[in-house]
Amino acid sequence: MIDLDGWTLAGDPSDAHVAWLESGQVRRDVLWPPGFRAVFDPTMRIFDRTGRQIVEAGAGIAGGCSVGDFLYLVQPMSFE
């Protein structure tokens, strides 16, 4: 588990990775759990496998686990 205080979620449907984390000019790609999906309408929102919205673009991220060159997102700031 790593602290991601100060990182926010960003995304673009035309980007190969769709969603990533940003802190200033630094970008960190995200690996999502199976069944998660991003919807752009126009703001990006991320839904879990049950269809519940868990986070949207610009939201802060509390923490994650490092998986190789990617970051496995585990806890958005708004997660309940």
PDB file of N, CA and C in Angstrom:
ATOM      1  N   MET A   1       0.854  -1.179   0.000  1.00  0.00           N
ATOM      2  CA  MET A   1       0.000   0.000   0.000  1.00  0.00           C
ATOM      3  C   MET A   1       0.895   1.235   0.000  1.00  0.00           C
ATOM      4  N   ILE A   2       0.579   2.185  -0.880  1.00  0.00           N
ATOM      5  CA  ILE A   2       1.341   3.426  -0.922  1.00  0.00           C
ATOM      6  C   ILE A   2       0.408   4.614  -0.765  1.00  0.00           C
ATOM      7  N   ASP A   3       0.915   5.668  -0.158  1.00  0.00           N
ATOM      8  CA  ASP A   3       0.158   6.893   0.057  1.00  0.00           C
ATOM      9  C   ASP A   3       0.102   7.682  -1.250  1.00  0.00           C
ATOM     10  N   LEU A   4      -1.090   8.085  -1.654  1.00  0.00           N
ATOM     11  CA  LEU A   4      -1.262   8.852  -2.888  1.00  0.00           C
ATOM     12  C   LEU A   4      -1.878  10.220  -2.617  1.00  0.00           C
ATOM     13  N   ASP A   5      -1.661  10.736  -1.427  1.00  0.00           N
ATOM     14  CA  ASP A   5      -2.159  12.063  -1.091  1.00  0.00           C
ATOM     15  C   ASP A   5      -1.571  13.070  -2.076  1.00  0.00           C
ATOM     16  N   GLY A   6      -2.413  13.896  -2.646  1.00  0.00           N
ATOM     17  CA  GLY A   6      -1.972  14.892  -3.620  1.00  0.00           C
ATOM     18  C   GLY A   6      -2.120  14.441  -5.068  1.00  0.00           C
ATOM     19  N   TRP A   7      -2.451  13.174  -5.291  1.00  0.00           N
ATOM     20  CA  TRP A   7      -2.689  12.665  -6.635  1.00  0.00           C
ATOM     21  C   TRP A   7      -4.171  12.767  -6.959  1.00  0.00           C
ATOM     22  N   THR A   8      -4.493  13.032  -8.221  1.00  0.00           N
ATOM     23  CA  THR A   8      -5.889  13.083  -8.654  1.00  0.00           C
ATOM     24  C   THR A   8      -6.080  12.200  -9.881  1.00  0.00           C
ATOM     25  N   LEU A   9      -7.321  11.815 -10.105  1.00  0.00           N
ATOM     26  CA  LEU A   9      -7.671  10.963 -11.231  1.00  0.00           C
ATOM     27  C   LEU A   9      -7.933  11.810 -12.473  1.00  0.00           C
ATOM     28  N   ALA A  10      -7.379  11.368 -13.597  1.00  0.00           N
ATOM     29  CA  ALA A  10      -7.593  12.036 -14.886  1.00  0.00           C
ATOM     30  C   ALA A  10      -7.818  10.959 -15.941  1.00  0.00           C
ATOM     31  N   GLY A  11      -8.350  11.352 -17.089  1.00  0.00           N
ATOM     32  CA  GLY A  11      -8.558  10.366 -18.141  1.00  0.00           C
ATOM     33  C   GLY A  11      -8.958  10.976 -19.462  1.00  0.00           C
ATOM     34  N   ASP A  12      -8.876  10.143 -20.492  1.00  0.00           N
ATOM     35  CA  ASP A  12      -9.230  10.552 -21.843  1.00  0.00           C
ATOM     36  C   ASP A  12      -9.602   9.273 -22.598  1.00  0.00           C
ATOM     37  N   PRO A  13     -10.801   9.204 -23.190  1.00  0.00           N
ATOM     38  CA  PRO A  13     -11.208   7.974 -23.864  1.00  0.00           C
ATOM     39  C   PRO A  13     -10.334   7.623 -25.071  1.00  0.00           C
ATOM     40  N   SER A  14      -9.593   8.581 -25.607  1.00  0.00           N
ATOM     41  CA  SER A  14      -8.729   8.301 -26.758  1.00  0.00           C
ATOM     42  C   SER A  14      -7.319   7.868 -26.342  1.00  0.00           C
ATOM     43  N   ASP A  15      -7.020   7.869 -25.036  1.00  0.00           N
ATOM     44  CA  ASP A  15      -5.714   7.433 -24.533  1.00  0.00           C
ATOM     45  C   ASP A  15      -5.714   5.912 -24.384  1.00  0.00           C
ATOM     46  N   ALA A  16      -4.613   5.265 -24.664  1.00  0.00           N
ATOM     47  CA  ALA A  16      -4.526   3.804 -24.571  1.00  0.00           C
ATOM     48  C   ALA A  16      -4.820   3.277 -23.163  1.00  0.00           C
ATOM     49  N   HIS A  17      -4.516   4.064 -22.133  1.00  0.00           N
ATOM     50  CA  HIS A  17      -4.746   3.626 -20.751  1.00  0.00           C
ATOM     51  C   HIS A  17      -6.052   4.157 -20.167  1.00  0.00           C
ATOM     52  N   VAL A  18      -6.758   5.007 -20.858  1.00  0.00           N
ATOM     53  CA  VAL A  18      -8.067   5.581 -20.517  1.00  0.00           C
ATOM     54  C   VAL A  18      -8.013   6.448 -19.257  1.00  0.00           C
ATOM     55  N   ALA A  19      -7.527   5.919 -18.144  1.00  0.00           N
ATOM     56  CA  ALA A  19      -7.492   6.671 -16.880  1.00  0.00           C
ATOM     57  C   ALA A  19      -6.115   6.556 -16.247  1.00  0.00           C
ATOM     58  N   TRP A  20      -5.716   7.593 -15.517  1.00  0.00           N
ATOM     59  CA  TRP A  20      -4.417   7.610 -14.848  1.00  0.00           C
ATOM     60  C   TRP A  20      -4.480   8.561 -13.673  1.00  0.00           C
ATOM     61  N   LEU A  21      -3.421   8.570 -12.886  1.00  0.00           N
ATOM     62  CA  LEU A  21      -3.294   9.500 -11.768  1.00  0.00           C
ATOM     63  C   LEU A  21      -2.295  10.580 -12.145  1.00  0.00           C
ATOM     64  N   GLU A  22      -2.532  11.798 -11.644  1.00  0.00           N
ATOM     65  CA  GLU A  22      -1.630  12.918 -11.898  1.00  0.00           C
ATOM     66  C   GLU A  22      -1.268  13.606 -10.597  1.00  0.00           C
ATOM     67  N   SER A  23      -0.019  14.035 -10.522  1.00  0.00           N
ATOM     68  CA  SER A  23       0.460  14.886  -9.435  1.00  0.00           C
ATOM     69  C   SER A  23       1.409  15.880 -10.083  1.00  0.00           C
ATOM     70  N   GLY A  24       0.933  17.103 -10.282  1.00  0.00           N
ATOM     71  CA  GLY A  24       1.708  18.078 -11.045  1.00  0.00           C
ATOM     72  C   GLY A  24       1.858  17.589 -12.469  1.00  0.00           C
ATOM     73  N   GLN A  25       3.102  17.490 -12.948  1.00  0.00           N
ATOM     74  CA  GLN A  25       3.371  17.012 -14.315  1.00  0.00           C
ATOM     75  C   GLN A  25       3.631  15.510 -14.367  1.00  0.00           C
ATOM     76  N   VAL A  26       3.567  14.837 -13.226  1.00  0.00           N
ATOM     77  CA  VAL A  26       3.861  13.403 -13.171  1.00  0.00           C
ATOM     78  C   VAL A  26       2.577  12.604 -13.384  1.00  0.00           C
ATOM     79  N   ARG A  27       2.666  11.603 -14.245  1.00  0.00           N
ATOM     80  CA  ARG A  27       1.525  10.742 -14.555  1.00  0.00           C
ATOM     81  C   ARG A  27       1.847   9.327 -14.102  1.00  0.00           C
ATOM     82  N   ARG A  28       0.863   8.647 -13.539  1.00  0.00           N
ATOM     83  CA  ARG A  28       1.009   7.243 -13.140  1.00  0.00           C
ATOM     84  C   ARG A  28      -0.198   6.484 -13.678  1.00  0.00           C
ATOM     85  N   ASP A  29       0.040   5.512 -14.561  1.00  0.00           N
ATOM     86  CA  ASP A  29      -1.055   4.739 -15.134  1.00  0.00           C
ATOM     87  C   ASP A  29      -1.685   3.845 -14.075  1.00  0.00           C
ATOM     88  N   VAL A  30      -2.936   3.475 -14.314  1.00  0.00           N
ATOM     89  CA  VAL A  30      -3.731   2.736 -13.341  1.00  0.00           C
ATOM     90  C   VAL A  30      -4.164   1.399 -13.939  1.00  0.00           C
ATOM     91  N   LEU A  31      -4.102   0.363 -13.136  1.00  0.00           N
ATOM     92  CA  LEU A  31      -4.628  -0.944 -13.501  1.00  0.00           C
ATOM     93  C   LEU A  31      -5.856  -1.173 -12.637  1.00  0.00           C
ATOM     94  N   TRP A  32      -7.009  -1.385 -13.257  1.00  0.00           N
ATOM     95  CA  TRP A  32      -8.269  -1.523 -12.522  1.00  0.00           C
ATOM     96  C   TRP A  32      -8.593  -2.984 -12.237  1.00  0.00           C
ATOM     97  N   PRO A  33      -9.349  -3.250 -11.185  1.00  0.00           N
ATOM     98  CA  PRO A  33      -9.825  -4.621 -10.939  1.00  0.00           C
ATOM     99  C   PRO A  33     -10.762  -5.065 -12.064  1.00  0.00           C
ATOM    100  N   PRO A  34     -10.897  -6.362 -12.287  1.00  0.00           N
ATOM    101  CA  PRO A  34     -11.812  -6.867 -13.324  1.00  0.00           C
ATOM    102  C   PRO A  34     -13.236  -6.344 -13.115  1.00  0.00           C
ATOM    103  N   GLY A  35     -13.874  -5.952 -14.222  1.00  0.00           N
ATOM    104  CA  GLY A  35     -15.255  -5.494 -14.168  1.00  0.00           C
ATOM    105  C   GLY A  35     -15.425  -4.001 -13.966  1.00  0.00           C
ATOM    106  N   PHE A  36     -14.355  -3.260 -13.638  1.00  0.00           N
ATOM    107  CA  PHE A  36     -14.454  -1.809 -13.506  1.00  0.00           C
ATOM    108  C   PHE A  36     -14.505  -1.202 -14.892  1.00  0.00           C
ATOM    109  N   ARG A  37     -15.201  -0.050 -15.025  1.00  0.00           N
ATOM    110  CA  ARG A  37     -15.298   0.599 -16.333  1.00  0.00           C
ATOM    111  C   ARG A  37     -15.335   2.103 -16.162  1.00  0.00           C
ATOM    112  N   ALA A  38     -14.902   2.797 -17.205  1.00  0.00           N
ATOM    113  CA  ALA A  38     -14.921   4.261 -17.238  1.00  0.00           C
ATOM    114  C   ALA A  38     -16.008   4.707 -18.204  1.00  0.00           C
ATOM    115  N   VAL A  39     -16.747   5.737 -17.811  1.00  0.00           N
ATOM    116  CA  VAL A  39     -17.785   6.337 -18.650  1.00  0.00           C
ATOM    117  C   VAL A  39     -17.462   7.825 -18.765  1.00  0.00           C
ATOM    118  N   PHE A  40     -17.498   8.352 -19.977  1.00  0.00           N
ATOM    119  CA  PHE A  40     -17.251   9.773 -20.229  1.00  0.00           C
ATOM    120  C   PHE A  40     -18.554  10.397 -20.698  1.00  0.00           C
ATOM    121  N   ASP A  41     -19.093  11.352 -19.897  1.00  0.00           N
ATOM    122  CA  ASP A  41     -20.382  11.952 -20.274  1.00  0.00           C
ATOM    123  C   ASP A  41     -20.568  13.376 -19.744  1.00  0.00           C
ATOM    124  N   PRO A  42     -19.814  14.368 -19.970  1.00  0.00           N
ATOM    125  CA  PRO A  42     -18.474  14.397 -20.542  1.00  0.00           C
ATOM    126  C   PRO A  42     -17.383  14.116 -19.505  1.00  0.00           C
ATOM    127  N   THR A  43     -17.677  14.250 -18.204  1.00  0.00           N
ATOM    128  CA  THR A  43     -16.676  13.976 -17.179  1.00  0.00           C
ATOM    129  C   THR A  43     -16.495  12.465 -17.007  1.00  0.00           C
ATOM    130  N   MET A  44     -15.245  12.032 -16.829  1.00  0.00           N
ATOM    131  CA  MET A  44     -14.988  10.614 -16.628  1.00  0.00           C
ATOM    132  C   MET A  44     -15.453  10.195 -15.231  1.00  0.00           C
ATOM    133  N   ARG A  45     -16.211   9.107 -15.214  1.00  0.00           N
ATOM    134  CA  ARG A  45     -16.632   8.488 -13.953  1.00  0.00           C
ATOM    135  C   ARG A  45     -16.247   7.016 -14.005  1.00  0.00           C
ATOM    136  N   ILE A  46     -15.783   6.482 -12.883  1.00  0.00           N
ATOM    137  CA  ILE A  46     -15.370   5.080 -12.799  1.00  0.00           C
ATOM    138  C   ILE A  46     -16.407   4.320 -11.982  1.00  0.00           C
ATOM    139  N   PHE A  47     -16.834   3.171 -12.520  1.00  0.00           N
ATOM    140  CA  PHE A  47     -17.824   2.319 -11.868  1.00  0.00           C
ATOM    141  C   PHE A  47     -17.190   0.974 -11.523  1.00  0.00           C
ATOM    142  N   ASP A  48     -17.579   0.430 -10.374  1.00  0.00           N
ATOM    143  CA  ASP A  48     -17.085  -0.895 -10.005  1.00  0.00           C
ATOM    144  C   ASP A  48     -17.893  -1.965 -10.723  1.00  0.00           C
ATOM    145  N   ARG A  49     -17.590  -3.235 -10.464  1.00  0.00           N
ATOM    146  CA  ARG A  49     -18.247  -4.337 -11.196  1.00  0.00           C
ATOM    147  C   ARG A  49     -19.727  -4.472 -10.882  1.00  0.00           C
ATOM    148  N   THR A  50     -20.214  -3.825  -9.791  1.00  0.00           N
ATOM    149  CA  THR A  50     -21.643  -3.872  -9.475  1.00  0.00           C
ATOM    150  C   THR A  50     -22.402  -2.709 -10.102  1.00  0.00           C
ATOM    151  N   GLY A  51     -21.667  -1.774 -10.765  1.00  0.00           N
ATOM    152  CA  GLY A  51     -22.308  -0.615 -11.380  1.00  0.00           C
ATOM    153  C   GLY A  51     -22.352   0.610 -10.492  1.00  0.00           C
ATOM    154  N   ARG A  52     -21.723   0.541  -9.317  1.00  0.00           N
ATOM    155  CA  ARG A  52     -21.696   1.682  -8.401  1.00  0.00           C
ATOM    156  C   ARG A  52     -20.558   2.619  -8.780  1.00  0.00           C
ATOM    157  N   GLN A  53     -20.859   3.925  -8.881  1.00  0.00           N
ATOM    158  CA  GLN A  53     -19.807   4.898  -9.174  1.00  0.00           C
ATOM    159  C   GLN A  53     -18.895   4.992  -7.957  1.00  0.00           C
ATOM    160  N   ILE A  54     -17.580   4.865  -8.194  1.00  0.00           N
ATOM    161  CA  ILE A  54     -16.646   4.931  -7.073  1.00  0.00           C
ATOM    162  C   ILE A  54     -15.789   6.185  -7.076  1.00  0.00           C
ATOM    163  N   VAL A  55     -15.592   6.796  -8.244  1.00  0.00           N
ATOM    164  CA  VAL A  55     -14.735   7.979  -8.317  1.00  0.00           C
ATOM    165  C   VAL A  55     -14.963   8.661  -9.668  1.00  0.00           C
ATOM    166  N   GLU A  56     -14.623   9.951  -9.736  1.00  0.00           N
ATOM    167  CA  GLU A  56     -14.712  10.668 -11.006  1.00  0.00           C
ATOM    168  C   GLU A  56     -13.463  11.498 -11.213  1.00  0.00           C
ATOM    169  N   ALA A  57     -13.267  11.963 -12.441  1.00  0.00           N
ATOM    170  CA  ALA A  57     -12.089  12.753 -12.793  1.00  0.00           C
ATOM    171  C   ALA A  57     -11.936  13.931 -11.835  1.00  0.00           C
ATOM    172  N   GLY A  58     -10.700  14.182 -11.435  1.00  0.00           N
ATOM    173  CA  GLY A  58     -10.390  15.284 -10.538  1.00  0.00           C
ATOM    174  C   GLY A  58     -10.446  14.916  -9.074  1.00  0.00           C
ATOM    175  N   ALA A  59     -10.966  13.725  -8.755  1.00  0.00           N
ATOM    176  CA  ALA A  59     -11.072  13.305  -7.354  1.00  0.00           C
ATOM    177  C   ALA A  59      -9.707  12.932  -6.805  1.00  0.00           C
ATOM    178  N   GLY A  60      -9.545  13.136  -5.507  1.00  0.00           N
ATOM    179  CA  GLY A  60      -8.321  12.735  -4.830  1.00  0.00           C
ATOM    180  C   GLY A  60      -8.299  11.233  -4.613  1.00  0.00           C
ATOM    181  N   ILE A  61      -7.099  10.700  -4.450  1.00  0.00           N
ATOM    182  CA  ILE A  61      -6.905   9.275  -4.255  1.00  0.00           C
ATOM    183  C   ILE A  61      -6.187   9.068  -2.926  1.00  0.00           C
ATOM    184  N   ALA A  62      -6.694   8.161  -2.106  1.00  0.00           N
ATOM    185  CA  ALA A  62      -6.113   7.928  -0.779  1.00  0.00           C
ATOM    186  C   ALA A  62      -4.914   6.995  -0.829  1.00  0.00           C
ATOM    187  N   GLY A  63      -5.007   5.891  -1.574  1.00  0.00           N
ATOM    188  CA  GLY A  63      -3.905   4.941  -1.580  1.00  0.00           C
ATOM    189  C   GLY A  63      -4.055   3.911  -2.666  1.00  0.00           C
ATOM    190  N   GLY A  64      -2.988   3.171  -2.906  1.00  0.00           N
ATOM    191  CA  GLY A  64      -2.990   2.129  -3.911  1.00  0.00           C
ATOM    192  C   GLY A  64      -1.849   1.168  -3.678  1.00  0.00           C
ATOM    193  N   CYS A  65      -1.813   0.136  -4.471  1.00  0.00           N
ATOM    194  CA  CYS A  65      -0.748  -0.859  -4.399  1.00  0.00           C
ATOM    195  C   CYS A  65       0.018  -0.844  -5.708  1.00  0.00           C
ATOM    196  N   SER A  66       1.324  -0.872  -5.630  1.00  0.00           N
ATOM    197  CA  SER A  66       2.157  -0.873  -6.816  1.00  0.00           C
ATOM    198  C   SER A  66       2.152  -2.258  -7.451  1.00  0.00           C
ATOM    199  N   VAL A  67       1.920  -2.297  -8.775  1.00  0.00           N
ATOM    200  CA  VAL A  67       1.924  -3.551  -9.530  1.00  0.00           C
ATOM    201  C   VAL A  67       2.782  -3.319 -10.765  1.00  0.00           C
ATOM    202  N   GLY A  68       4.037  -3.663 -10.710  1.00  0.00           N
ATOM    203  CA  GLY A  68       4.936  -3.433 -11.840  1.00  0.00           C
ATOM    204  C   GLY A  68       5.013  -1.958 -12.173  1.00  0.00           C
ATOM    205  N   ASP A  69       4.824  -1.636 -13.451  1.00  0.00           N
ATOM    206  CA  ASP A  69       4.887  -0.246 -13.896  1.00  0.00           C
ATOM    207  C   ASP A  69       3.557   0.475 -13.716  1.00  0.00           C
ATOM    208  N   PHE A  70       2.529  -0.263 -13.295  1.00  0.00           N
ATOM    209  CA  PHE A  70       1.210   0.321 -13.120  1.00  0.00           C
ATOM    210  C   PHE A  70       0.895   0.476 -11.645  1.00  0.00           C
ATOM    211  N   LEU A  71      -0.169   1.174 -11.371  1.00  0.00           N
ATOM    212  CA  LEU A  71      -0.642   1.338 -10.014  1.00  0.00           C
ATOM    213  C   LEU A  71      -2.028   0.753  -9.937  1.00  0.00           C
ATOM    214  N   TYR A  72      -2.245  -0.144  -9.010  1.00  0.00           N
ATOM    215  CA  TYR A  72      -3.561  -0.737  -8.834  1.00  0.00           C
ATOM    216  C   TYR A  72      -4.333   0.139  -7.855  1.00  0.00           C
ATOM    217  N   LEU A  73      -5.335   0.833  -8.332  1.00  0.00           N
ATOM    218  CA  LEU A  73      -6.081   1.776  -7.518  1.00  0.00           C
ATOM    219  C   LEU A  73      -6.958   1.016  -6.527  1.00  0.00           C
ATOM    220  N   VAL A  74      -6.827   1.314  -5.240  1.00  0.00           N
ATOM    221  CA  VAL A  74      -7.621   0.584  -4.266  1.00  0.00           C
ATOM    222  C   VAL A  74      -8.536   1.456  -3.422  1.00  0.00           C
ATOM    223  N   GLN A  75      -8.232   2.729  -3.245  1.00  0.00           N
ATOM    224  CA  GLN A  75      -9.096   3.514  -2.366  1.00  0.00           C
ATOM    225  C   GLN A  75      -9.175   4.985  -2.763  1.00  0.00           C
ATOM    226  N   PRO A  76     -10.226   5.371  -3.502  1.00  0.00           N
ATOM    227  CA  PRO A  76     -10.432   6.803  -3.764  1.00  0.00           C
ATOM    228  C   PRO A  76     -10.785   7.512  -2.457  1.00  0.00           C
ATOM    229  N   MET A  77     -10.534   8.804  -2.392  1.00  0.00           N
ATOM    230  CA  MET A  77     -10.849   9.585  -1.193  1.00  0.00           C
ATOM    231  C   MET A  77     -12.316   9.475  -0.818  1.00  0.00           C
ATOM    232  N   SER A  78     -13.202   9.337  -1.815  1.00  0.00           N
ATOM    233  CA  SER A  78     -14.632   9.316  -1.556  1.00  0.00           C
ATOM    234  C   SER A  78     -15.169   7.917  -1.270  1.00  0.00           C
ATOM    235  N   PHE A  79     -14.280   6.918  -1.250  1.00  0.00           N
ATOM    236  CA  PHE A  79     -14.710   5.525  -1.042  1.00  0.00           C
ATOM    237  C   PHE A  79     -15.338   5.353   0.333  1.00  0.00           C
ATOM    238  N   GLU A  80     -16.443   4.645   0.397  1.00  0.00           N
ATOM    239  CA  GLU A  80     -17.106   4.410   1.669  1.00  0.00           C
ATOM    240  C   GLU A  80     -16.997   2.959   2.064  1.00  0.00           C
TER     241      GLU A  80
END
